[in-house]
Protein backbone atom coordinates (compact mmCIF):
# COMPACT_ATOMS: atom_id res chain seq x y z
CA MET A 1 0.00 0.00 0.00
CA GLY A 2 1.27 3.45 -0.83
CA LEU A 3 1.27 6.28 -3.29
CA ASP A 4 1.40 5.37 -6.97
CA GLN A 5 1.51 8.32 -9.36
CA TYR A 6 1.19 8.38 -13.11
CA ALA A 7 0.81 10.82 -15.94
CA GLY A 8 -0.04 10.52 -19.59
CA PHE A 9 -2.80 11.00 -22.13
CA ARG A 10 -6.33 11.65 -20.78
CA ASP A 11 -9.50 10.24 -22.27
CA GLU A 12 -12.87 12.00 -22.41
CA GLU A 13 -13.68 10.98 -18.81
CA GLY A 14 -10.34 12.28 -17.53
CA ASN A 15 -8.79 8.84 -17.04
CA VAL A 16 -5.03 8.89 -17.51
CA LYS A 17 -3.13 6.33 -19.61
CA GLU A 18 0.24 5.83 -17.95
CA GLU A 19 3.26 7.21 -19.78
CA PHE A 20 5.15 8.23 -16.62
CA TYR A 21 5.15 6.53 -13.23
CA TRP A 22 6.40 7.59 -9.80
CA ARG A 23 6.25 5.73 -6.50
CA LYS A 24 5.93 7.77 -3.30
CA HIS A 25 7.18 11.09 -4.71
CA ALA A 26 5.51 13.02 -1.88
CA ARG A 27 6.46 16.52 -2.98
CA LEU A 28 5.22 15.99 -6.51
CA GLN A 29 1.97 14.78 -4.95
CA GLN A 30 1.79 17.90 -2.76
CA PHE A 31 2.24 20.03 -5.88
CA MET A 32 -0.41 18.13 -7.84
CA ALA A 33 -2.83 18.07 -4.88
CA LYS A 34 -2.73 21.88 -4.78
CA GLU A 35 -3.31 22.01 -8.52
CA PHE A 36 -6.20 19.56 -8.20
CA GLU A 37 -7.78 21.80 -5.58
CA GLU A 38 -7.38 24.80 -7.87
CA GLN A 39 -8.91 22.97 -10.84
CA ASN A 40 -11.73 21.35 -8.84
CA LYS A 41 -12.82 23.87 -6.25
CA THR A 42 -16.25 22.30 -5.89
CA THR A 43 -15.14 18.63 -5.88
CA LYS A 44 -15.20 16.73 -2.61
CA HIS A 45 -12.44 14.26 -1.83
CA ASN A 46 -13.32 10.60 -2.00
CA THR A 47 -11.25 9.75 1.06
CA VAL A 48 -12.79 9.08 4.43
CA ASN A 49 -12.30 9.93 8.08
CA ASP A 50 -8.92 11.35 9.03
CA LEU A 51 -7.41 11.15 5.54
CA GLN A 52 -9.39 14.05 4.03
CA HIS A 53 -6.44 16.40 4.45
CA LEU A 54 -4.29 14.29 2.11
CA GLY A 55 -6.26 15.44 -0.89
CA PHE A 56 -7.46 13.76 -4.03
CA ASN A 57 -7.10 10.11 -4.86
CA GLY A 58 -7.70 8.05 -7.98
CA GLY A 59 -11.13 8.04 -9.56
CA GLN A 60 -11.71 11.80 -9.39
CA GLY A 61 -10.42 12.71 -12.85
CA GLY A 62 -6.93 13.72 -11.78
CA VAL A 63 -5.14 16.90 -12.73
CA LYS A 64 -5.32 18.36 -16.23
CA ILE A 65 -1.85 19.38 -17.36
CA THR A 66 -1.75 22.89 -18.83
CA LYS A 67 0.99 25.21 -20.01
CA ASP A 68 0.64 27.30 -16.82
CA LEU A 69 0.84 24.20 -14.64
CA ILE A 70 4.02 23.11 -16.41
CA GLU A 71 5.64 26.49 -15.76
CA LYS A 72 4.75 26.23 -12.05
CA LEU A 73 6.03 22.65 -11.93
CA LYS A 74 9.28 23.68 -13.60
CA GLU A 75 9.79 26.31 -10.88
CA ALA A 76 8.93 23.78 -8.17
CA ILE A 77 11.47 21.30 -9.55
CA GLU A 78 14.17 23.97 -9.80
CA SER A 79 13.61 24.84 -6.13
CA LYS A 80 13.59 21.12 -5.20
CA TYR A 81 9.91 21.49 -4.34
CA TYR A 82 10.81 23.81 -1.46
CA ASP A 83 7.23 25.09 -1.10
CA TYR A 84 5.72 21.60 -1.32
CA PHE A 85 6.92 19.89 1.85
CA ALA A 86 4.66 16.97 2.80
CA PRO A 87 4.08 17.30 6.55
CA ASP A 88 1.96 14.16 6.61
CA GLY A 89 1.30 11.21 4.39
CA PHE A 90 2.84 7.97 5.58
CA PHE A 91 1.32 6.30 2.51
CA TRP A 92 3.08 8.92 0.39
CA GLY A 93 6.56 8.19 1.71
CA GLN A 94 6.83 11.59 3.38
CA GLN A 95 9.53 10.18 5.67
CA PHE A 96 11.97 10.02 2.73
CA GLN A 97 10.67 12.87 0.57
CA GLU A 98 14.06 14.62 0.36
CA GLU A 99 15.61 11.52 -1.20
CA GLN A 100 12.76 11.16 -3.68
CA VAL A 101 13.24 14.73 -4.92
CA THR A 102 16.81 13.81 -5.84
CA GLU A 103 16.00 10.34 -7.12
CA TYR A 104 13.25 11.58 -9.46
CA ALA A 105 14.95 14.81 -10.63
CA GLU A 106 15.85 13.44 -14.07
CA GLN A 107 12.44 11.84 -14.61
CA ASP A 108 10.68 15.03 -13.52
CA GLN A 109 12.64 16.96 -16.14
CA LYS A 110 11.79 14.39 -18.81
CA PHE A 111 8.14 14.74 -17.80
CA ILE A 112 8.31 18.54 -18.22
CA ASN A 113 9.83 18.20 -21.69
CA TRP A 114 7.29 15.54 -22.71
CA CYS A 115 4.41 17.70 -21.51
CA LYS A 116 5.64 20.69 -23.49
CA ASP A 117 5.83 18.57 -26.64
CA GLN A 118 2.38 17.05 -26.10
CA LEU A 119 0.77 20.41 -25.38
CA LYS A 120 2.25 21.81 -28.62
CA GLU A 121 0.52 18.92 -30.41
CA GLY A 122 -2.78 19.79 -28.73
CA GLN A 123 -2.92 16.60 -26.66
CA ASN A 124 -5.07 16.24 -23.54
CA ILE A 125 -2.69 15.09 -20.79
CA GLY A 126 -3.01 14.63 -17.08
CA TYR A 127 -1.73 13.31 -13.76
CA ASP A 128 -3.46 10.96 -11.38
CA CYS A 129 -2.63 8.90 -8.33
CA SER A 130 -3.72 6.07 -6.10
CA TRP A 131 -2.79 5.68 -2.44
């Protein structure tokens, strides 16, 4: 059990076909959870009890990747996700989030480049998770 994250092409229902995969990249999840909240201000979380604060989970349509989001993500990556510390989230691997920032740095950059290319082509892309 734990945080599985993926990004790729989105279908009409918002389901994401995996092109990129991360495992317990807590700070990326913090970033995407904030973006999900921004994109879905009226959506309730599908988590229960004391896990509401952890944010969205799979089955809610995920995060739509936009040009603006990519620019914010690029800044977050360059600052090693400084503003996206995960204070909680055992299932997210928050206890080793510093290491994950370093471990996934190259993949995060590849993801940024891929997103830019896909957006130029007019593709509908997104990010989703399951924890």
